[in-house]
Amino acid sequence: MPSRRQVLGASLAAVAMPSIAKAASSRVLKFIPQSDLTVIDPVWTTAYNTRNHGYMVFDTLFGMDAQYRIQPQMIGAIALDDDGRRWDLSLRDGLLFHDGEKVLARDCIASIRRWAARDALGSVLMKATDELSAPDDRTIRFRLKKPFPRLPYALGKTSTPMCAMMPERFAATDPFKQLTEIVGSGPFRFVAADRISGARAVYEKFERYAPRPDGTPGWTAGPKVVSFDRVEWITVPDEGTAAAAMQSGEMDWWELPTNDLRPVLRRSGHVRMEIKDPTGVIGLLKMNCLQPPFDNPGIRRALLGAFDQSDFVTAITGDDPGMGRTGVGVFCPRTELATDAVLEVLTAPRNPATVKAALHAAGYAGQPAGIMVATDTPYRKAMGEVGVDAMRRGGLNVDYIAVDWGTAVTRRENKGPLDKGGWSGLFTTLSGLDLQTPSGHAFRTSGETGWFGWASSPRIEALRGEWLDATDLAAQRRIAREIQLQWWIDVPHIPIGPWFQPAAWQDSIGGMLDGFPVFWGLRRG
């Protein structure tokens, strides 16, 4: 197996010989991901690069199309009975795992249970379920305590973690322990033997995958038709090298080109750039609510006054006013549930002296706050540097912990104190799509069973339940407003503003779908 140095050396050599690199890779797609793939289990983490990997390797019962509508994916037929309290989901023909075994209903049931133990909406679905069974090899049966019309949405939503269909023997793994081996159900096989930590992840077309025979390709729905024999995720050591590889044609697709290098890519004449996710990226500060100092909600509230969203957005997007927004609360802006409820906690003039006074009043006594900053991706580094500076000016004793993103994803699962390898805060992001409704993991405030940070807010949890039961938009909007009002009291995380992130790819690549990176539908030429 080649080393990381050999892989990167070969990549750099190919930059100098673009014609050879192109000729040798017509059936190979080379992709520069946002960061190295360090976790291969799409249930264990909510990290987006693991989600992207998961959709390559695993299929799902339902998918989401480009209009955010849920469509059957592995499901061939749906039968409802008992006034919506019984759902029979029938698997379509031709579904196989990568080891050649048929996908059976019992595999899907085990997969649903494992996913639901980690997912916010999945846990609600299971609480509403009296029985989840497989009356035969092709039928998944839900018997519900009450109607749950969002059942297809729960199983097919694209927010993390994904409801990945895996063999029963893998789905039996404790959901709070990582899978170390992958046997998937999707259009690509993960080639573990070719993986090089920190440098490369490799996928090969699964020749026996049966794409859905009907529908229009769109995001994770419709036929997943693969044209490339092999996809290589190459972790390039720096942004300048990534830009050079895109200019030379050695690399086909760069997920997150940096703002300062976009003009260079445009001048190449053969690199396209476009915003593929219209909901944007929303930055936030997650705090460990189990450990000092952020186990104190008064201290979390005090920090609301420390951050100026415009500082974060400018640091990430530069001077392009169209690439970011400010004055954004808990929900994705310009969506049905977005609300301006008490936004002055984020938009009022910033005053470090006021923050210091609020910290003191909350009982802050100078305890260190270990803030993880992922320095291997420019936007995460920018968020961290702006945020740490603002917290220090506000009187917080900050320990700046520089890590790579893979380390952050693993360390953020540690609930312990700093001296036991824990953490106090992490600057991270969510797709705006994940913040359109309170059904996702970002709104799960159930303490140690919730999303990392483990905020506890019984009131927000109750409101989430009310939202799921609400049948009209007016009621849903009222509940969303109440959630945001409670948010400023309990502060599960602090929103620091949204921006839009273009992707860059060679103009010889066609068929790219909107949304996060998916690798079906693509073709060369």
Protein backbone atom coordinates (compact mmCIF):
# COMPACT_ATOMS: atom_id res chain seq x y z
CA MET A 1 0.00 0.00 0.00
CA PRO A 2 1.46 3.41 -0.94
CA SER A 3 2.12 5.96 1.77
CA ARG A 4 0.50 9.38 2.14
CA ARG A 5 3.75 10.92 0.90
CA GLN A 6 3.70 8.74 -2.23
CA VAL A 7 0.05 9.58 -2.98
CA LEU A 8 0.59 13.32 -2.62
CA GLY A 9 3.87 13.11 -4.51
CA ALA A 10 2.12 11.40 -7.40
CA SER A 11 -0.57 14.07 -7.36
CA LEU A 12 1.97 16.87 -7.52
CA ALA A 13 3.83 15.13 -10.32
CA ALA A 14 0.61 14.83 -12.28
CA VAL A 15 0.09 18.58 -11.95
CA ALA A 16 3.18 19.01 -14.09
CA MET A 17 1.88 16.47 -16.66
CA PRO A 18 -1.83 17.26 -17.02
CA SER A 19 -2.31 15.58 -20.39
CA ILE A 20 -0.99 12.25 -19.06
CA ALA A 21 -3.12 12.57 -15.92
CA LYS A 22 -6.25 13.21 -17.95
CA ALA A 23 -5.63 10.42 -20.43
CA ALA A 24 -5.08 7.89 -17.66
CA SER A 25 -8.18 8.79 -15.71
CA SER A 26 -11.07 9.12 -18.18
CA ARG A 27 -13.04 6.57 -16.13
CA VAL A 28 -11.71 7.85 -12.80
CA LEU A 29 -13.13 10.89 -11.02
CA LYS A 30 -10.78 12.73 -8.67
CA PHE A 31 -12.46 14.77 -5.95
CA ILE A 32 -11.00 17.13 -3.33
CA PRO A 33 -13.22 16.81 -0.23
CA GLN A 34 -13.63 19.43 2.48
CA SER A 35 -11.45 17.30 4.77
CA ASP A 36 -10.05 13.82 5.15
CA LEU A 37 -12.49 10.99 5.74
CA THR A 38 -11.75 9.86 9.29
CA VAL A 39 -15.09 8.21 10.19
CA ILE A 40 -16.72 5.70 7.82
CA ASP A 41 -19.88 5.07 9.87
CA PRO A 42 -22.65 7.51 8.76
CA VAL A 43 -24.78 6.71 11.82
CA TRP A 44 -22.09 7.33 14.43
CA THR A 45 -21.37 10.95 13.40
CA THR A 46 -23.16 13.93 11.87
CA ALA A 47 -19.99 15.08 10.01
CA TYR A 48 -20.87 16.02 6.46
CA ASN A 49 -17.91 14.32 4.77
CA THR A 50 -19.02 11.05 6.42
CA ARG A 51 -22.59 11.75 5.23
CA ASN A 52 -21.31 12.24 1.65
CA HIS A 53 -19.34 8.99 1.90
CA GLY A 54 -22.42 7.27 3.34
CA TYR A 55 -24.64 8.13 0.39
CA MET A 56 -22.07 6.70 -2.03
CA VAL A 57 -21.86 3.39 -0.19
CA PHE A 58 -25.38 2.94 1.26
CA ASP A 59 -28.83 3.29 -0.20
CA THR A 60 -31.88 4.55 1.70
CA LEU A 61 -35.54 3.55 1.78
CA PHE A 62 -36.59 7.02 0.65
CA GLY A 63 -34.72 9.89 -1.00
CA MET A 64 -35.12 13.65 -1.27
CA ASP A 65 -35.38 15.33 -4.67
CA ALA A 66 -34.22 18.78 -5.75
CA GLN A 67 -37.53 20.32 -4.62
CA TYR A 68 -37.04 18.83 -1.10
CA ARG A 69 -39.83 16.30 -1.70
CA ILE A 70 -39.50 12.78 -0.32
CA GLN A 71 -39.62 10.00 -2.93
CA PRO A 72 -39.44 6.18 -2.61
CA GLN A 73 -35.90 4.92 -3.25
CA MET A 74 -35.44 1.29 -2.14
CA ILE A 75 -39.19 1.07 -1.58
CA GLY A 76 -41.36 -0.25 -4.42
CA ALA A 77 -44.82 0.09 -2.86
CA ILE A 78 -46.47 1.65 0.20
CA ALA A 79 -49.71 0.46 1.82
CA LEU A 80 -51.42 2.41 4.62
CA ASP A 81 -54.11 0.97 6.83
CA ASP A 82 -55.81 1.47 10.20
CA ASP A 83 -56.30 5.23 9.66
CA GLY A 84 -52.60 5.81 9.04
CA ARG A 85 -51.39 3.76 12.00
CA ARG A 86 -50.04 0.87 9.92
CA TRP A 87 -47.46 1.31 7.16
CA ASP A 88 -46.32 -1.61 4.99
CA LEU A 89 -43.23 -0.67 2.98
CA SER A 90 -42.34 -3.19 0.25
CA LEU A 91 -38.77 -3.41 -1.02
CA ARG A 92 -38.32 -3.20 -4.79
CA ASP A 93 -36.73 -5.94 -6.87
CA GLY A 94 -33.00 -6.37 -7.42
CA LEU A 95 -31.62 -4.90 -4.18
CA LEU A 96 -28.24 -6.40 -3.23
CA PHE A 97 -25.56 -5.75 -0.65
CA HIS A 98 -21.97 -5.48 -1.84
CA ASP A 99 -21.26 -9.02 -0.69
CA GLY A 100 -23.91 -10.28 -3.13
CA GLU A 101 -26.56 -11.04 -0.51
CA LYS A 102 -30.13 -9.84 -1.05
CA VAL A 103 -31.37 -6.88 0.97
CA LEU A 104 -34.08 -8.26 3.24
CA ALA A 105 -36.67 -6.55 5.40
CA ARG A 106 -34.96 -7.74 8.60
CA ASP A 107 -31.76 -5.97 7.48
CA CYS A 108 -33.73 -2.77 7.04
CA ILE A 109 -35.44 -3.07 10.42
CA ALA A 110 -32.10 -3.53 12.19
CA SER A 111 -30.72 -0.54 10.24
CA ILE A 112 -33.70 1.65 11.17
CA ARG A 113 -33.30 0.79 14.85
CA ARG A 114 -29.58 1.58 14.87
CA TRP A 115 -30.12 4.90 13.09
CA ALA A 116 -33.06 5.90 15.27
CA ALA A 117 -30.94 5.52 18.42
CA ARG A 118 -28.78 8.43 17.18
CA ASP A 119 -31.19 10.55 15.13
CA ALA A 120 -33.49 13.23 16.56
CA LEU A 121 -36.47 12.54 14.33
CA GLY A 122 -35.79 8.80 14.32
CA SER A 123 -36.11 8.68 18.09
CA VAL A 124 -39.48 10.45 17.87
CA LEU A 125 -40.63 7.97 15.23
CA MET A 126 -39.67 5.00 17.39
CA LYS A 127 -41.49 6.47 20.41
CA ALA A 128 -44.60 6.63 18.22
CA THR A 129 -44.12 3.02 17.08
CA ASP A 130 -45.80 0.08 18.80
CA GLU A 131 -44.23 -2.54 16.56
CA LEU A 132 -41.58 -2.64 13.83
CA SER A 133 -41.57 -6.05 12.15
CA ALA A 134 -40.86 -8.02 8.96
CA PRO A 135 -43.87 -10.20 8.12
CA ASP A 136 -41.89 -11.46 5.11
CA ASP A 137 -38.52 -10.87 3.42
CA ARG A 138 -39.73 -7.85 1.45
CA THR A 139 -42.11 -6.08 3.84
CA ILE A 140 -41.20 -3.57 6.56
CA ARG A 141 -44.19 -3.00 8.82
CA PHE A 142 -44.70 -0.08 11.21
CA ARG A 143 -47.60 -0.30 13.67
CA LEU A 144 -47.96 3.15 15.20
CA LYS A 145 -49.56 4.45 18.37
CA LYS A 146 -50.91 7.36 16.38
CA PRO A 147 -50.65 8.53 12.76
CA PHE A 148 -47.15 9.75 11.84
CA PRO A 149 -47.44 11.32 8.37
CA ARG A 150 -43.78 12.36 8.38
CA LEU A 151 -42.61 8.72 8.43
CA PRO A 152 -41.23 8.81 4.84
CA TYR A 153 -39.54 12.14 5.60
CA ALA A 154 -37.88 10.68 8.70
CA LEU A 155 -36.49 7.73 6.73
CA GLY A 156 -35.45 9.76 3.69
CA LYS A 157 -34.33 13.18 4.96
CA THR A 158 -30.83 14.24 4.00
CA SER A 159 -29.95 15.79 7.36
CA THR A 160 -27.44 13.76 9.31
CA PRO A 161 -27.25 11.05 10.45
CA MET A 162 -28.57 9.25 7.36
CA CYS A 163 -30.81 6.18 7.63
CA ALA A 164 -28.37 3.85 5.86
CA MET A 165 -29.47 0.35 4.93
CA MET A 166 -26.80 -2.17 5.95
CA PRO A 167 -26.71 -5.93 6.61
CA GLU A 168 -28.31 -7.00 9.87
CA ARG A 169 -24.99 -8.23 11.28
CA PHE A 170 -23.53 -4.71 10.96
CA ALA A 171 -26.70 -2.93 12.04
CA ALA A 172 -26.55 -4.97 15.27
CA THR A 173 -23.45 -2.95 16.24
CA ASP A 174 -23.95 -0.60 19.19
CA PRO A 175 -24.95 2.73 17.56
CA PHE A 176 -22.59 4.50 19.96
CA LYS A 177 -19.63 2.49 18.64
CA GLN A 178 -18.14 3.05 15.20
CA LEU A 179 -18.37 0.50 12.43
CA THR A 180 -14.87 -0.46 11.31
CA GLU A 181 -15.96 -2.40 8.21
CA ILE A 182 -18.42 -1.44 5.48
CA VAL A 183 -20.68 -3.67 3.41
CA GLY A 184 -23.01 -1.28 1.67
CA SER A 185 -26.18 -1.28 -0.39
CA GLY A 186 -25.49 1.72 -2.63
CA PRO A 187 -24.02 2.41 -6.07
CA PHE A 188 -20.35 2.42 -4.93
CA ARG A 189 -18.20 0.01 -2.94
CA PHE A 190 -15.78 1.44 -0.40
CA VAL A 191 -12.30 0.07 -1.20
CA ALA A 192 -10.83 -0.18 2.29
CA ALA A 193 -7.56 -1.67 1.03
CA ASP A 194 -6.84 1.50 -0.99
CA ARG A 195 -7.63 3.91 1.81
CA ILE A 196 -4.73 5.98 3.16
CA SER A 197 -5.51 7.92 6.30
CA GLY A 198 -4.97 11.63 5.73
CA ALA A 199 -4.57 11.26 1.97
CA ARG A 200 -7.07 9.15 0.07
CA ALA A 201 -10.40 7.31 0.14
CA VAL A 202 -11.38 5.16 -2.85
CA TYR A 203 -14.71 3.95 -4.21
CA GLU A 204 -15.48 1.60 -7.10
CA LYS A 205 -18.70 1.25 -9.04
CA PHE A 206 -20.85 -1.62 -7.74
CA GLU A 207 -21.70 -3.33 -11.01
CA ARG A 208 -24.66 -5.24 -9.55
CA TYR A 209 -26.39 -2.17 -8.13
CA ALA A 210 -29.90 -1.79 -9.55
CA PRO A 211 -30.81 1.89 -9.99
CA ARG A 212 -34.42 2.83 -9.42
CA PRO A 213 -36.13 2.28 -12.79
CA ASP A 214 -38.36 5.35 -12.64
CA GLY A 215 -38.26 8.98 -11.60
CA THR A 216 -35.97 11.90 -12.34
CA PRO A 217 -32.49 12.06 -10.79
CA GLY A 218 -32.44 14.74 -8.11
CA TRP A 219 -30.23 14.86 -5.04
CA THR A 220 -30.74 11.49 -3.27
CA ALA A 221 -33.88 10.48 -5.19
CA GLY A 222 -34.50 8.89 -8.57
CA PRO A 223 -32.22 6.60 -10.61
CA LYS A 224 -28.64 6.57 -9.29
CA VAL A 225 -26.77 5.82 -12.52
CA VAL A 226 -22.97 5.66 -12.22
CA SER A 227 -20.70 6.39 -15.20
CA PHE A 228 -17.31 6.35 -13.47
CA ASP A 229 -15.59 3.08 -12.58
CA ARG A 230 -13.65 4.64 -9.72
CA VAL A 231 -13.87 7.76 -7.55
CA GLU A 232 -10.88 8.92 -5.54
CA TRP A 233 -11.17 11.42 -2.71
CA ILE A 234 -7.76 13.07 -2.50
CA THR A 235 -6.96 15.18 0.57
CA VAL A 236 -4.69 17.87 -0.88
CA PRO A 237 -2.22 19.41 1.61
CA ASP A 238 -3.04 23.09 0.97
CA GLU A 239 -5.40 25.32 -0.99
CA GLY A 240 -2.71 26.53 -3.41
CA THR A 241 -1.92 22.96 -4.44
CA ALA A 242 -5.63 22.23 -4.83
CA ALA A 243 -6.08 25.25 -7.10
CA ALA A 244 -3.04 24.26 -9.18
CA ALA A 245 -4.41 20.73 -9.56
CA MET A 246 -7.75 22.11 -10.74
CA GLN A 247 -6.05 24.47 -13.18
CA SER A 248 -3.94 21.67 -14.64
CA GLY A 249 -6.90 19.31 -14.93
CA GLU A 250 -5.43 16.69 -12.61
CA MET A 251 -8.35 17.04 -10.20
CA ASP A 252 -11.93 17.04 -11.43
CA TRP A 253 -13.92 18.53 -8.55
CA TRP A 254 -13.10 20.70 -5.54
CA GLU A 255 -15.85 20.72 -2.93
CA LEU A 256 -14.93 23.96 -1.12
CA PRO A 257 -12.65 26.28 -3.12
CA THR A 258 -11.43 29.15 -0.97
CA ASN A 259 -12.62 32.68 -1.61
CA ASP A 260 -9.20 34.11 -2.48
CA LEU A 261 -8.49 31.44 -5.13
CA ARG A 262 -11.79 31.60 -6.97
CA PRO A 263 -10.58 34.36 -9.37
CA VAL A 264 -7.60 32.18 -10.28
CA LEU A 265 -9.88 29.26 -11.07
CA ARG A 266 -12.18 31.44 -13.14
CA ARG A 267 -9.25 32.62 -15.25
CA SER A 268 -8.35 29.05 -16.17
CA GLY A 269 -11.18 29.01 -18.71
CA HIS A 270 -12.15 25.40 -18.04
CA VAL A 271 -13.27 25.38 -14.39
CA ARG A 272 -16.93 26.02 -13.55
CA MET A 273 -18.04 27.41 -10.21
CA GLU A 274 -21.57 27.39 -8.91
CA ILE A 275 -23.50 27.36 -5.64
CA LYS A 276 -25.06 23.89 -5.51
CA ASP A 277 -26.79 24.20 -2.11
CA PRO A 278 -29.16 27.20 -2.24
CA THR A 279 -29.83 27.02 1.52
CA GLY A 280 -26.22 27.96 2.25
CA VAL A 281 -23.93 27.15 5.15
CA ILE A 282 -24.69 28.37 8.68
CA GLY A 283 -21.89 28.69 11.21
CA LEU A 284 -22.38 28.13 14.92
CA LEU A 285 -20.57 27.70 18.22
CA LYS A 286 -21.40 24.39 19.91
CA MET A 287 -20.66 24.33 23.62
CA ASN A 288 -20.16 21.35 25.93
CA CYS A 289 -23.09 21.85 28.28
CA LEU A 290 -21.99 19.04 30.60
CA GLN A 291 -18.71 20.64 31.74
CA PRO A 292 -17.62 24.02 33.15
CA PRO A 293 -17.80 26.77 32.16
CA PHE A 294 -20.62 26.15 29.67
CA ASP A 295 -22.67 23.88 31.92
CA ASN A 296 -23.91 27.23 33.27
CA PRO A 297 -26.63 28.59 30.93
CA GLY A 298 -26.02 32.10 32.28
CA ILE A 299 -22.49 31.98 30.89
CA ARG A 300 -23.81 30.74 27.55
CA ARG A 301 -26.32 33.61 27.49
CA ALA A 302 -23.57 36.12 28.25
CA LEU A 303 -21.68 35.00 25.13
CA LEU A 304 -24.61 35.91 22.89
CA GLY A 305 -23.41 39.49 23.16
CA ALA A 306 -19.80 38.69 22.26
CA PHE A 307 -20.21 37.79 18.59
CA ASP A 308 -20.84 40.04 15.62
CA GLN A 309 -22.12 37.93 12.73
CA SER A 310 -20.71 40.35 10.17
CA ASP A 311 -17.17 39.71 11.48
CA PHE A 312 -17.51 35.98 10.83
CA VAL A 313 -19.14 36.33 7.42
CA THR A 314 -16.56 38.88 6.24
CA ALA A 315 -13.67 36.71 7.42
CA ILE A 316 -15.02 33.81 5.37
CA THR A 317 -16.41 35.46 2.24
CA GLY A 318 -14.20 38.53 1.93
CA ASP A 319 -15.74 41.70 0.58
CA ASP A 320 -18.39 40.05 -1.61
CA PRO A 321 -21.65 41.26 -0.03
CA GLY A 322 -23.75 38.72 -1.91
CA MET A 323 -22.06 35.68 -0.40
CA GLY A 324 -23.29 36.04 3.19
CA ARG A 325 -26.00 37.38 5.48
CA THR A 326 -26.26 38.69 9.02
CA GLY A 327 -29.06 39.06 11.53
CA VAL A 328 -29.91 35.38 11.29
CA GLY A 329 -31.42 33.44 14.16
CA VAL A 330 -31.98 29.76 14.82
CA PHE A 331 -33.79 28.82 11.60
CA CYS A 332 -32.52 28.98 8.03
CA PRO A 333 -33.18 32.47 6.64
CA ARG A 334 -35.87 32.98 3.97
CA THR A 335 -37.58 29.72 4.82
CA GLU A 336 -41.09 29.22 6.19
CA LEU A 337 -40.10 29.03 9.86
CA ALA A 338 -37.48 31.80 9.94
CA THR A 339 -38.38 34.34 12.64
CA ASP A 340 -37.06 37.65 13.94
CA ALA A 341 -38.01 36.86 17.55
CA VAL A 342 -35.68 38.88 19.84
CA LEU A 343 -32.93 38.99 17.22
CA GLU A 344 -31.48 41.99 19.06
CA VAL A 345 -29.53 39.52 21.21
CA LEU A 346 -27.43 39.03 18.05
CA THR A 347 -27.80 42.40 16.31
CA ALA A 348 -27.51 44.99 19.10
CA PRO A 349 -24.18 46.86 19.31
CA ARG A 350 -21.39 44.65 20.65
CA ASN A 351 -19.65 45.77 23.84
CA PRO A 352 -16.96 43.58 25.47
CA ALA A 353 -17.44 45.36 28.80
CA THR A 354 -21.11 44.34 28.81
CA VAL A 355 -20.11 40.73 28.11
CA LYS A 356 -17.60 40.80 30.98
CA ALA A 357 -20.25 42.12 33.35
CA ALA A 358 -22.73 39.45 32.24
CA LEU A 359 -20.14 36.70 32.71
CA HIS A 360 -19.38 37.97 36.20
CA ALA A 361 -23.07 38.16 37.08
CA ALA A 362 -23.49 34.57 35.89
CA GLY A 363 -20.78 33.41 38.29
CA TYR A 364 -17.89 32.99 35.88
CA ALA A 365 -14.66 32.72 37.88
CA GLY A 366 -12.04 32.45 35.15
CA GLN A 367 -12.32 28.72 34.42
CA PRO A 368 -10.52 27.78 31.20
CA ALA A 369 -12.62 27.14 28.10
CA GLY A 370 -10.94 24.76 25.65
CA ILE A 371 -12.13 25.82 22.20
CA MET A 372 -11.33 23.40 19.37
CA VAL A 373 -10.48 25.11 16.08
CA ALA A 374 -10.13 22.95 12.97
CA THR A 375 -7.23 24.65 11.21
CA ASP A 376 -7.14 22.34 8.16
CA THR A 377 -10.12 24.01 6.48
CA PRO A 378 -10.03 27.78 5.88
CA TYR A 379 -13.63 28.62 6.84
CA ARG A 380 -13.42 26.65 10.10
CA LYS A 381 -10.11 28.31 10.92
CA ALA A 382 -11.59 31.75 10.17
CA MET A 383 -14.60 31.08 12.41
CA GLY A 384 -12.31 29.94 15.22
CA GLU A 385 -9.94 32.88 15.04
CA VAL A 386 -12.73 35.48 14.95
CA GLY A 387 -14.67 33.70 17.69
CA VAL A 388 -11.76 33.10 20.05
CA ASP A 389 -10.71 36.72 19.75
CA ALA A 390 -14.26 37.90 20.57
CA MET A 391 -14.50 35.58 23.58
CA ARG A 392 -11.16 36.71 24.96
CA ARG A 393 -12.12 40.38 24.58
CA GLY A 394 -15.31 39.54 26.45
CA GLY A 395 -13.32 38.22 29.40
CA LEU A 396 -13.35 34.45 28.81
CA ASN A 397 -10.19 32.50 29.61
CA VAL A 398 -9.82 30.66 26.29
CA ASP A 399 -7.45 27.81 25.54
CA TYR A 400 -7.13 27.71 21.72
CA ILE A 401 -6.95 24.02 20.74
CA ALA A 402 -5.74 23.70 17.14
CA VAL A 403 -6.81 20.37 15.60
CA ASP A 404 -7.60 18.90 12.20
CA TRP A 405 -11.26 18.31 11.43
CA GLY A 406 -10.98 14.54 11.73
CA THR A 407 -9.63 14.90 15.27
CA ALA A 408 -12.40 17.37 16.12
CA VAL A 409 -15.10 14.95 14.90
CA THR A 410 -13.73 12.22 17.15
CA ARG A 411 -12.89 14.38 20.19
CA ARG A 412 -16.25 16.14 20.22
CA GLU A 413 -17.85 12.82 21.29
CA ASN A 414 -15.88 12.99 24.57
CA LYS A 415 -18.21 14.16 27.35
CA GLY A 416 -15.45 14.44 29.93
CA PRO A 417 -13.54 17.44 31.35
CA LEU A 418 -10.63 19.12 29.60
CA ASP A 419 -8.00 17.25 31.59
CA LYS A 420 -9.56 13.96 30.41
CA GLY A 421 -9.38 14.82 26.70
CA GLY A 422 -12.67 16.72 26.60
CA TRP A 423 -13.48 20.11 25.15
CA SER A 424 -15.54 23.22 25.91
CA GLY A 425 -16.49 24.62 22.51
CA LEU A 426 -16.23 23.96 18.78
CA PHE A 427 -16.96 26.18 15.79
CA THR A 428 -18.79 24.12 13.20
CA THR A 429 -21.41 24.45 10.46
CA LEU A 430 -24.73 23.09 9.29
CA SER A 431 -26.38 23.21 5.90
CA GLY A 432 -29.30 25.60 5.92
CA LEU A 433 -31.46 22.62 4.98
CA ASP A 434 -30.73 21.07 8.39
CA LEU A 435 -32.13 24.20 10.05
CA GLN A 436 -35.34 24.58 8.08
CA THR A 437 -37.43 22.73 10.67
CA PRO A 438 -36.96 21.73 14.34
CA SER A 439 -37.03 18.02 13.44
CA GLY A 440 -33.25 17.71 13.00
CA HIS A 441 -30.43 16.88 15.37
CA ALA A 442 -29.44 20.53 15.88
CA PHE A 443 -32.70 21.06 17.78
CA ARG A 444 -32.43 17.92 19.89
CA THR A 445 -31.98 19.24 23.42
CA SER A 446 -32.40 16.03 25.37
CA GLY A 447 -29.15 16.23 27.35
CA GLU A 448 -26.77 13.30 27.01
CA THR A 449 -28.96 11.58 24.40
CA GLY A 450 -28.88 14.64 22.12
CA TRP A 451 -26.42 16.05 19.60
CA PHE A 452 -22.84 16.63 20.74
CA GLY A 453 -22.76 19.49 23.23
CA TRP A 454 -25.60 17.73 25.05
CA ALA A 455 -27.72 20.77 25.85
CA SER A 456 -30.78 20.12 27.96
CA SER A 457 -33.98 22.09 27.40
CA PRO A 458 -37.23 20.31 28.30
CA ARG A 459 -39.15 23.28 26.93
CA ILE A 460 -37.55 23.11 23.46
CA GLU A 461 -38.08 19.33 23.41
CA ALA A 462 -41.77 19.83 24.22
CA LEU A 463 -42.10 22.45 21.49
CA ARG A 464 -40.46 20.12 18.98
CA GLY A 465 -43.11 17.54 19.78
CA GLU A 466 -45.85 20.14 19.31
CA TRP A 467 -44.37 21.10 15.94
CA LEU A 468 -44.43 17.50 14.74
CA ASP A 469 -48.12 17.27 15.66
CA ALA A 470 -49.05 20.65 14.13
CA THR A 471 -51.09 20.33 10.95
CA ASP A 472 -51.06 23.88 9.59
CA LEU A 473 -48.31 26.35 8.76
CA ALA A 474 -49.61 29.10 11.08
CA ALA A 475 -49.29 26.78 14.08
CA GLN A 476 -45.85 25.63 12.95
CA ARG A 477 -44.66 29.24 12.66
CA ARG A 478 -45.99 30.09 16.11
CA ILE A 479 -44.13 27.12 17.58
CA ALA A 480 -40.92 28.06 15.73
CA ARG A 481 -41.09 31.55 17.23
CA GLU A 482 -41.48 30.07 20.72
CA ILE A 483 -38.51 27.78 20.08
CA GLN A 484 -36.32 30.74 19.18
CA LEU A 485 -37.46 32.68 22.26
CA GLN A 486 -36.54 29.72 24.46
CA TRP A 487 -33.27 29.32 22.56
CA TRP A 488 -32.00 32.65 23.85
CA ILE A 489 -32.65 31.40 27.39
CA ASP A 490 -31.07 27.94 27.17
CA VAL A 491 -28.59 28.66 24.31
CA PRO A 492 -27.91 25.15 22.96
CA HIS A 493 -25.65 26.82 20.38
CA ILE A 494 -24.90 30.33 19.14
CA PRO A 495 -25.64 31.11 15.45
CA ILE A 496 -22.81 33.09 13.87
CA GLY A 497 -24.25 33.69 10.41
CA PRO A 498 -24.77 32.06 7.01
CA TRP A 499 -22.80 32.20 3.78
CA PHE A 500 -22.92 30.54 0.38
CA GLN A 501 -20.22 28.15 -0.80
CA PRO A 502 -19.62 27.51 -4.51
CA ALA A 503 -18.17 24.23 -5.74
CA ALA A 504 -15.58 24.08 -8.54
CA TRP A 505 -15.38 21.41 -11.23
CA GLN A 506 -13.94 20.86 -14.69
CA ASP A 507 -16.31 21.91 -17.45
CA SER A 508 -15.75 18.50 -19.04
CA ILE A 509 -17.82 16.99 -16.18
CA GLY A 510 -21.56 17.06 -16.77
CA GLY A 511 -24.64 15.91 -14.90
CA MET A 512 -23.81 17.38 -11.49
CA LEU A 513 -26.89 17.54 -9.28
CA ASP A 514 -27.80 20.28 -6.80
CA GLY A 515 -27.28 19.74 -3.09
CA PHE A 516 -24.32 18.22 -1.28
CA PRO A 517 -21.82 16.18 -3.35
CA VAL A 518 -23.34 13.04 -4.86
CA PHE A 519 -21.50 10.95 -7.42
CA TRP A 520 -24.22 9.45 -9.61
CA GLY A 521 -25.43 11.15 -12.79
CA LEU A 522 -21.93 12.52 -13.43
CA ARG A 523 -20.30 11.92 -16.79
CA ARG A 524 -17.16 13.03 -18.61
CA GLY A 525 -17.50 14.71 -21.96
